[in-house]
Amino acid sequence: DLAYLLFCIPFQSTVYMLPSWVLGTFICKFIHYFFTVSMLVSIFTLSAMSVDRYVAIVHSRRSSSLRVSRNATLGVGLIWLLSIAMASPVAHHQSIVHQDIINQTFCWEVWPNLQHK
């Protein structure tokens, strides 16, 4: 959440203040990719915490051998790896689109067709 606050909010605020995208292709891809990674990490972390609480309450006697810091570290690493991998299509399909009619540039998701989305 802190990384989202530092990396996504300042750049996303420019979308609302400026009429078109001026920050370039790399920032366009990175900001939307990092936003998706942050969202997935939050979702998976809350899910893992729910599973941990379930195991701690329902299987309290057997869970002490599973609920060690090594497994927690592995879980956090797995959460980040899954989030990074699952967000990669966003970085691939995010691009700069120029609208000639209104002469403005936008940072949009551009998919080859709706079946790929």
C-alpha atoms as a PDB file:
ATOM      1  CA  ASP A   1       0.000   0.000   0.000  1.00  0.00           C
ATOM      2  CA  LEU A   2       2.886   2.364   0.683  1.00  0.00           C
ATOM      3  CA  ALA A   3       4.456   1.513  -2.679  1.00  0.00           C
ATOM      4  CA  TYR A   4       1.118   2.209  -4.371  1.00  0.00           C
ATOM      5  CA  LEU A   5       0.897   5.547  -2.579  1.00  0.00           C
ATOM      6  CA  LEU A   6       4.418   6.518  -3.651  1.00  0.00           C
ATOM      7  CA  PHE A   7       4.470   5.218  -7.227  1.00  0.00           C
ATOM      8  CA  CYS A   8       0.900   5.214  -8.522  1.00  0.00           C
ATOM      9  CA  ILE A   9      -1.022   8.101  -6.969  1.00  0.00           C
ATOM     10  CA  PRO A  10       1.261  10.950  -8.141  1.00  0.00           C
ATOM     11  CA  PHE A  11       1.274   9.712 -11.738  1.00  0.00           C
ATOM     12  CA  GLN A  12      -2.412   8.839 -11.756  1.00  0.00           C
ATOM     13  CA  SER A  13      -3.254  12.343 -10.571  1.00  0.00           C
ATOM     14  CA  THR A  14      -1.744  13.729 -13.778  1.00  0.00           C
ATOM     15  CA  VAL A  15      -4.455  11.897 -15.721  1.00  0.00           C
ATOM     16  CA  TYR A  16      -7.067  14.065 -14.040  1.00  0.00           C
ATOM     17  CA  MET A  17      -5.102  17.310 -14.257  1.00  0.00           C
ATOM     18  CA  LEU A  18      -3.809  17.176 -17.846  1.00  0.00           C
ATOM     19  CA  PRO A  19      -5.922  16.816 -21.002  1.00  0.00           C
ATOM     20  CA  SER A  20      -3.621  14.187 -22.551  1.00  0.00           C
ATOM     21  CA  TRP A  21      -0.839  11.761 -21.570  1.00  0.00           C
ATOM     22  CA  VAL A  22       2.587  13.443 -21.477  1.00  0.00           C
ATOM     23  CA  LEU A  23       4.683  11.022 -19.403  1.00  0.00           C
ATOM     24  CA  GLY A  24       5.816   8.596 -22.124  1.00  0.00           C
ATOM     25  CA  THR A  25       5.401   4.930 -22.905  1.00  0.00           C
ATOM     26  CA  PHE A  26       7.514   3.482 -20.076  1.00  0.00           C
ATOM     27  CA  ILE A  27       5.626   5.365 -17.353  1.00  0.00           C
ATOM     28  CA  CYS A  28       2.325   4.423 -19.035  1.00  0.00           C
ATOM     29  CA  LYS A  29       3.168   0.720 -18.879  1.00  0.00           C
ATOM     30  CA  PHE A  30       4.857   0.822 -15.457  1.00  0.00           C
ATOM     31  CA  ILE A  31       2.142   2.704 -13.583  1.00  0.00           C
ATOM     32  CA  HIS A  32      -0.696   0.479 -14.768  1.00  0.00           C
ATOM     33  CA  TYR A  33       1.395  -2.660 -14.278  1.00  0.00           C
ATOM     34  CA  PHE A  34       2.405  -1.641 -10.752  1.00  0.00           C
ATOM     35  CA  PHE A  35      -1.188  -0.713  -9.906  1.00  0.00           C
ATOM     36  CA  THR A  36      -2.294  -4.220 -10.939  1.00  0.00           C
ATOM     37  CA  VAL A  37       0.565  -5.874  -9.014  1.00  0.00           C
ATOM     38  CA  SER A  38      -0.341  -3.875  -5.883  1.00  0.00           C
ATOM     39  CA  MET A  39      -3.990  -4.818  -6.195  1.00  0.00           C
ATOM     40  CA  LEU A  40      -3.179  -8.526  -6.614  1.00  0.00           C
ATOM     41  CA  VAL A  41      -0.722  -8.505  -3.693  1.00  0.00           C
ATOM     42  CA  SER A  42      -3.407  -6.979  -1.468  1.00  0.00           C
ATOM     43  CA  ILE A  43      -6.006  -9.543  -2.547  1.00  0.00           C
ATOM     44  CA  PHE A  44      -3.681 -12.530  -2.119  1.00  0.00           C
ATOM     45  CA  THR A  45      -2.382 -11.253   1.240  1.00  0.00           C
ATOM     46  CA  LEU A  46      -5.897 -10.878   2.638  1.00  0.00           C
ATOM     47  CA  SER A  47      -6.750 -14.361   1.353  1.00  0.00           C
ATOM     48  CA  ALA A  48      -3.610 -15.836   2.938  1.00  0.00           C
ATOM     49  CA  MET A  49      -4.407 -14.128   6.238  1.00  0.00           C
ATOM     50  CA  SER A  50      -7.905 -15.620   6.148  1.00  0.00           C
ATOM     51  CA  VAL A  51      -6.509 -19.106   5.542  1.00  0.00           C
ATOM     52  CA  ASP A  52      -3.979 -18.596   8.345  1.00  0.00           C
ATOM     53  CA  ARG A  53      -6.710 -17.536  10.783  1.00  0.00           C
ATOM     54  CA  TYR A  54      -8.861 -20.519   9.769  1.00  0.00           C
ATOM     55  CA  VAL A  55      -5.991 -22.955  10.319  1.00  0.00           C
ATOM     56  CA  ALA A  56      -5.053 -21.315  13.643  1.00  0.00           C
ATOM     57  CA  ILE A  57      -8.603 -21.512  14.985  1.00  0.00           C
ATOM     58  CA  VAL A  58      -9.979 -24.753  13.554  1.00  0.00           C
ATOM     59  CA  HIS A  59      -6.771 -26.810  13.672  1.00  0.00           C
ATOM     60  CA  SER A  60      -5.018 -25.111  16.582  1.00  0.00           C
ATOM     61  CA  ARG A  61      -3.089 -28.113  17.869  1.00  0.00           C
ATOM     62  CA  ARG A  62      -1.771 -29.239  14.497  1.00  0.00           C
ATOM     63  CA  SER A  63      -1.156 -25.761  13.109  1.00  0.00           C
ATOM     64  CA  SER A  64       1.814 -24.858  15.313  1.00  0.00           C
ATOM     65  CA  SER A  65       4.194 -26.821  13.093  1.00  0.00           C
ATOM     66  CA  LEU A  66       2.836 -25.142   9.938  1.00  0.00           C
ATOM     67  CA  ARG A  67       2.648 -21.584  11.213  1.00  0.00           C
ATOM     68  CA  VAL A  68       6.371 -20.775  11.376  1.00  0.00           C
ATOM     69  CA  SER A  69       8.229 -17.752  10.006  1.00  0.00           C
ATOM     70  CA  ARG A  70       9.870 -19.782   7.214  1.00  0.00           C
ATOM     71  CA  ASN A  71       6.462 -20.710   5.778  1.00  0.00           C
ATOM     72  CA  ALA A  72       5.287 -17.114   6.130  1.00  0.00           C
ATOM     73  CA  THR A  73       8.336 -15.901   4.184  1.00  0.00           C
ATOM     74  CA  LEU A  74       7.702 -18.487   1.477  1.00  0.00           C
ATOM     75  CA  GLY A  75       4.056 -17.428   1.329  1.00  0.00           C
ATOM     76  CA  VAL A  76       4.931 -13.758   0.914  1.00  0.00           C
ATOM     77  CA  GLY A  77       7.423 -14.623  -1.829  1.00  0.00           C
ATOM     78  CA  LEU A  78       4.839 -16.761  -3.602  1.00  0.00           C
ATOM     79  CA  ILE A  79       2.258 -13.976  -3.347  1.00  0.00           C
ATOM     80  CA  TRP A  80       4.644 -11.486  -4.977  1.00  0.00           C
ATOM     81  CA  LEU A  81       5.731 -13.915  -7.710  1.00  0.00           C
ATOM     82  CA  LEU A  82       2.129 -14.768  -8.594  1.00  0.00           C
ATOM     83  CA  SER A  83       1.151 -11.104  -8.615  1.00  0.00           C
ATOM     84  CA  ILE A  84       4.067 -10.100 -10.841  1.00  0.00           C
ATOM     85  CA  ALA A  85       3.332 -12.923 -13.280  1.00  0.00           C
ATOM     86  CA  MET A  86      -0.431 -12.390 -13.378  1.00  0.00           C
ATOM     87  CA  ALA A  87      -0.067  -8.643 -14.013  1.00  0.00           C
ATOM     88  CA  SER A  88       2.320  -9.026 -16.963  1.00  0.00           C
ATOM     89  CA  PRO A  89      -0.437  -8.913 -19.641  1.00  0.00           C
ATOM     90  CA  VAL A  90      -1.334  -5.416 -18.426  1.00  0.00           C
ATOM     91  CA  ALA A  91       2.205  -4.183 -19.095  1.00  0.00           C
ATOM     92  CA  HIS A  92       2.235  -5.882 -22.479  1.00  0.00           C
ATOM     93  CA  HIS A  93      -1.065  -4.410 -23.704  1.00  0.00           C
ATOM     94  CA  GLN A  94      -0.835  -0.923 -22.184  1.00  0.00           C
ATOM     95  CA  SER A  95       0.263   1.611 -24.786  1.00  0.00           C
ATOM     96  CA  ILE A  96       0.122   5.188 -25.970  1.00  0.00           C
ATOM     97  CA  VAL A  97      -2.796   5.902 -28.332  1.00  0.00           C
ATOM     98  CA  HIS A  98      -3.012   9.119 -30.328  1.00  0.00           C
ATOM     99  CA  GLN A  99      -6.467  10.352 -31.322  1.00  0.00           C
ATOM    100  CA  ASP A 100      -6.057  12.461 -34.474  1.00  0.00           C
ATOM    101  CA  ILE A 101      -9.603  13.835 -34.371  1.00  0.00           C
ATOM    102  CA  ILE A 102      -9.055  15.656 -31.082  1.00  0.00           C
ATOM    103  CA  ASN A 103      -5.225  15.750 -31.351  1.00  0.00           C
ATOM    104  CA  GLN A 104      -4.602  14.186 -27.929  1.00  0.00           C
ATOM    105  CA  THR A 105      -2.589  11.255 -26.624  1.00  0.00           C
ATOM    106  CA  PHE A 106      -3.895   8.724 -24.088  1.00  0.00           C
ATOM    107  CA  CYS A 107      -2.487   5.802 -22.104  1.00  0.00           C
ATOM    108  CA  TRP A 108      -4.908   2.946 -22.798  1.00  0.00           C
ATOM    109  CA  GLU A 109      -5.095  -0.830 -22.738  1.00  0.00           C
ATOM    110  CA  VAL A 110      -5.012  -1.996 -26.343  1.00  0.00           C
ATOM    111  CA  TRP A 111      -5.926  -5.655 -26.826  1.00  0.00           C
ATOM    112  CA  PRO A 112      -5.792  -7.324 -30.269  1.00  0.00           C
ATOM    113  CA  ASN A 113      -9.464  -8.288 -29.927  1.00  0.00           C
ATOM    114  CA  LEU A 114     -11.997  -8.926 -27.183  1.00  0.00           C
ATOM    115  CA  GLN A 115     -11.224 -12.658 -26.985  1.00  0.00           C
ATOM    116  CA  HIS A 116      -7.663 -11.900 -25.782  1.00  0.00           C
ATOM    117  CA  LYS A 117      -8.836  -9.668 -22.945  1.00  0.00           C
END
